[in-house]
Protein backbone atom coordinates (compact mmCIF):
# COMPACT_ATOMS: atom_id res chain seq x y z
CA MET A 1 0.00 0.00 0.00
CA ASP A 2 1.52 3.34 -1.08
CA GLU A 3 0.38 5.74 1.64
CA THR A 4 1.67 8.86 -0.11
CA THR A 5 -0.20 8.64 -3.41
CA SER A 6 -3.37 6.60 -2.95
CA HIS A 7 -4.20 7.41 0.67
CA HIS A 8 -4.46 10.57 2.74
CA TRP A 9 -3.99 11.18 6.45
CA TYR A 10 -6.81 13.44 7.62
CA PHE A 11 -6.76 15.13 11.05
CA ALA A 12 -10.14 15.41 12.79
CA TYR A 13 -10.42 17.78 15.75
CA GLY A 14 -14.15 18.57 15.60
CA SER A 15 -17.30 16.54 15.02
CA ASN A 16 -15.48 14.14 12.66
CA MET A 17 -13.74 12.67 15.72
CA SER A 18 -17.11 11.08 16.51
CA LEU A 19 -17.55 7.76 14.75
CA SER A 20 -21.31 8.36 14.48
CA VAL A 21 -20.51 11.37 12.29
CA LEU A 22 -17.55 10.04 10.29
CA THR A 23 -18.60 6.44 9.66
CA GLY A 24 -22.33 6.94 10.18
CA ARG A 25 -23.53 10.18 8.65
CA ARG A 26 -20.62 10.59 6.22
CA SER A 27 -20.17 6.85 5.42
CA ILE A 28 -16.37 7.13 5.51
CA LYS A 29 -14.37 4.06 6.48
CA PRO A 30 -10.87 4.84 7.82
CA LEU A 31 -8.09 2.40 6.93
CA LYS A 32 -6.01 3.34 10.00
CA VAL A 33 -6.49 5.51 13.07
CA GLU A 34 -3.82 7.37 15.09
CA LEU A 35 -4.21 9.74 18.03
CA VAL A 36 -2.15 12.86 17.32
CA SER A 37 -1.55 16.45 18.31
CA ILE A 38 -0.43 19.44 16.28
CA PRO A 39 2.08 21.33 18.45
CA SER A 40 1.86 24.51 16.36
CA HIS A 41 -1.93 24.91 16.58
CA VAL A 42 -4.79 25.26 19.07
CA LEU A 43 -8.48 24.38 18.95
CA CYS A 44 -10.71 27.40 18.51
CA PHE A 45 -14.26 28.17 17.40
CA ASN A 46 -13.55 30.61 14.58
CA VAL A 47 -15.79 29.18 11.85
CA PRO A 48 -19.15 30.96 11.70
CA GLY A 49 -22.08 28.56 11.84
CA MET A 50 -25.84 29.09 11.80
CA PRO A 51 -27.09 32.05 13.84
CA TYR A 52 -29.49 31.21 16.67
CA THR A 53 -28.69 27.46 16.76
CA GLU A 54 -25.06 26.64 15.82
CA PRO A 55 -23.20 29.97 16.02
CA ALA A 56 -19.69 28.50 15.76
CA MET A 57 -17.94 25.42 14.49
CA GLY A 58 -14.49 24.16 15.37
CA GLY A 59 -11.35 25.36 13.71
CA ILE A 60 -7.67 25.45 14.45
CA SER A 61 -5.33 28.41 14.48
CA GLN A 62 -1.65 28.94 15.04
CA LYS A 63 -0.57 29.35 18.64
CA GLN A 64 -0.17 32.95 19.74
CA HIS A 65 2.05 32.06 22.72
CA LYS A 66 3.79 28.97 24.12
CA GLY A 67 1.40 28.50 27.04
CA GLN A 68 -1.52 27.51 24.82
CA GLU A 69 -2.50 23.84 24.76
CA SER A 70 -1.92 22.08 21.43
CA VAL A 71 -4.93 20.78 19.55
CA THR A 72 -5.33 17.03 19.90
CA GLY A 73 -7.47 14.77 17.77
CA VAL A 74 -7.70 11.76 15.51
CA ALA A 75 -5.74 11.12 12.31
CA TYR A 76 -7.60 8.86 9.90
CA MET A 77 -5.98 7.28 6.87
CA LEU A 78 -8.53 7.53 4.05
CA THR A 79 -8.76 6.30 0.48
CA ASP A 80 -8.81 8.89 -2.31
CA ASP A 81 -12.57 8.40 -2.73
CA ASP A 82 -13.34 8.76 0.98
CA PHE A 83 -11.07 11.79 1.23
CA SER A 84 -12.82 13.46 -1.73
CA ARG A 85 -16.23 12.76 -0.15
CA LEU A 86 -15.00 14.18 3.15
CA VAL A 87 -13.83 17.41 1.48
CA ALA A 88 -17.20 17.71 -0.26
CA SER A 89 -19.07 17.06 3.01
CA GLU A 90 -17.12 19.90 4.65
CA GLY A 91 -18.40 22.37 2.07
CA GLY A 92 -15.81 21.83 -0.64
CA GLY A 93 -13.90 24.99 0.28
CA ILE A 94 -16.81 27.26 1.25
CA ALA A 95 -16.21 27.39 5.02
CA TYR A 96 -12.85 25.66 5.30
CA THR A 97 -9.48 25.64 3.55
CA LEU A 98 -7.57 22.37 3.31
CA VAL A 99 -4.02 22.64 4.68
CA GLN A 100 -1.13 20.25 5.27
CA LEU A 101 0.54 20.23 8.68
CA ASP A 102 2.81 17.96 10.69
CA SER A 103 1.25 16.09 13.59
CA LEU A 104 2.85 14.07 16.37
CA SER A 105 1.63 10.57 17.21
CA LEU A 106 0.59 10.28 20.86
CA ARG A 107 1.59 6.61 20.67
CA ASP A 108 5.26 6.96 19.72
CA GLY A 109 6.02 10.62 18.99
CA SER A 110 6.56 10.04 15.28
CA THR A 111 5.69 12.78 12.80
CA ILE A 112 2.69 12.17 10.55
CA PRO A 113 2.02 14.68 7.75
CA ILE A 114 -1.73 15.29 7.77
CA ASN A 115 -4.40 17.17 5.84
CA THR A 116 -6.89 19.16 7.86
CA PHE A 117 -9.28 22.07 7.60
CA THR A 118 -8.81 25.63 8.82
CA ALA A 119 -11.32 28.45 8.65
CA ARG A 120 -11.47 30.01 5.21
CA ARG A 121 -12.60 33.30 6.72
CA PRO A 122 -11.70 33.01 10.40
CA VAL A 123 -13.38 35.15 12.99
CA SER A 124 -10.77 37.06 15.00
CA ILE A 125 -9.98 35.70 18.45
CA GLY A 126 -11.82 38.52 20.25
CA LYS A 127 -14.97 37.94 18.20
CA GLN A 128 -15.21 34.16 18.31
CA ARG A 129 -18.61 32.70 19.07
CA LEU A 130 -19.54 29.85 21.36
CA PRO A 131 -20.23 26.36 20.01
CA SER A 132 -23.59 24.72 20.71
CA GLU A 133 -24.01 22.06 23.38
CA ARG A 134 -24.88 19.61 20.60
CA TYR A 135 -21.64 20.31 18.75
CA MET A 136 -19.50 20.10 21.90
CA GLY A 137 -21.22 16.81 22.73
CA LEU A 138 -19.95 15.40 19.43
CA LEU A 139 -16.39 16.53 20.20
CA ILE A 140 -16.48 15.11 23.72
CA ASN A 141 -18.04 11.84 22.54
CA GLY A 142 -15.43 11.47 19.78
CA ALA A 143 -12.57 12.23 22.17
CA LYS A 144 -13.84 9.61 24.62
CA GLU A 145 -14.49 7.01 21.88
CA HIS A 146 -10.87 7.22 20.77
CA GLY A 147 -9.32 7.54 24.22
CA LEU A 148 -7.79 11.00 23.89
CA PRO A 149 -5.88 12.13 27.00
CA PRO A 150 -8.16 12.79 30.00
CA CYS A 151 -6.76 16.33 30.42
CA TYR A 152 -7.79 17.18 26.83
CA ILE A 153 -11.26 15.71 27.34
CA ALA A 154 -11.57 17.76 30.55
CA ARG A 155 -10.74 20.89 28.54
CA LEU A 156 -13.52 20.08 26.07
CA VAL A 157 -16.00 19.44 28.90
CA VAL A 158 -15.44 22.90 30.44
CA GLN A 159 -15.67 24.77 27.12
CA PRO A 160 -18.48 27.34 27.46
CA THR A 161 -21.38 26.72 25.09
CA PHE A 162 -24.05 28.81 23.39
CA ARG A 163 -27.31 29.40 25.25
CA ALA A 164 -30.36 30.45 23.26
CA GLY A 165 -31.90 33.80 24.15
CA THR A 166 -35.34 34.00 25.73
CA THR A 167 -36.43 37.57 24.99
CA ARG A 168 -39.25 38.20 22.54
CA ARG A 169 -36.89 40.09 20.27
CA TRP A 170 -34.45 37.18 20.19
CA ILE A 171 -37.21 34.62 19.57
CA LEU A 172 -38.65 36.79 16.76
CA GLY A 173 -35.18 37.14 15.22
CA ARG A 174 -34.68 33.37 15.28
CA TRP A 175 -38.12 32.77 13.76
CA LEU A 176 -37.53 35.29 10.94
CA PHE A 177 -34.06 33.93 10.23
CA ASN A 178 -35.36 30.36 10.01
CA LEU A 179 -38.31 31.43 7.87
CA LEU A 180 -36.02 33.07 5.34
CA TRP A 181 -32.98 30.79 5.55
CA GLN A 182 -34.53 27.30 5.54
CA PRO A 183 -35.82 27.52 1.94
CA VAL A 184 -32.39 28.76 0.81
CA SER A 185 -30.66 26.02 2.78
CA ARG A 186 -32.86 23.31 1.23
CA TRP A 187 -32.20 24.70 -2.24
CA ILE A 188 -28.41 24.67 -1.65
CA GLN A 189 -28.46 21.05 -0.49
């Protein structure tokens, strides 16, 4: 098996860590799985999502200072076909940009060149939004399924999450947004 030409290492740090998402919803079957970290990057929530329900999705960004905890996740070896389907399922370049980075295996410290997604139009650090409880549940579930380090799982567990507003104005805004956006969303899909 020639891993460099017919297969791709893909680094999942968000909902794709969860097997119910990757192998269930996306029907992708990894050939190999490695737990890895990317020492140069951190987990952030700089990808705008859907207002009122999923305001932010996961992303990674370069560390701003040495004290920041490296992003940890799952590297999946995928066939060309599965990798192409994965890229398409992540918006095909609309929300994310595909980048190549070096990761470190948590098993033996070896370097694994990986492909992963970064925000195409990242929200600046001071303006990042909170992820939904549903989205964070997928990250936590995926981290536990694969046995990521307990300290990293604990960091995910304490991540603040989005809470829906309860004022009439907020509820009206959500209703109007959904009324106008859902037909557009269905048409896009």
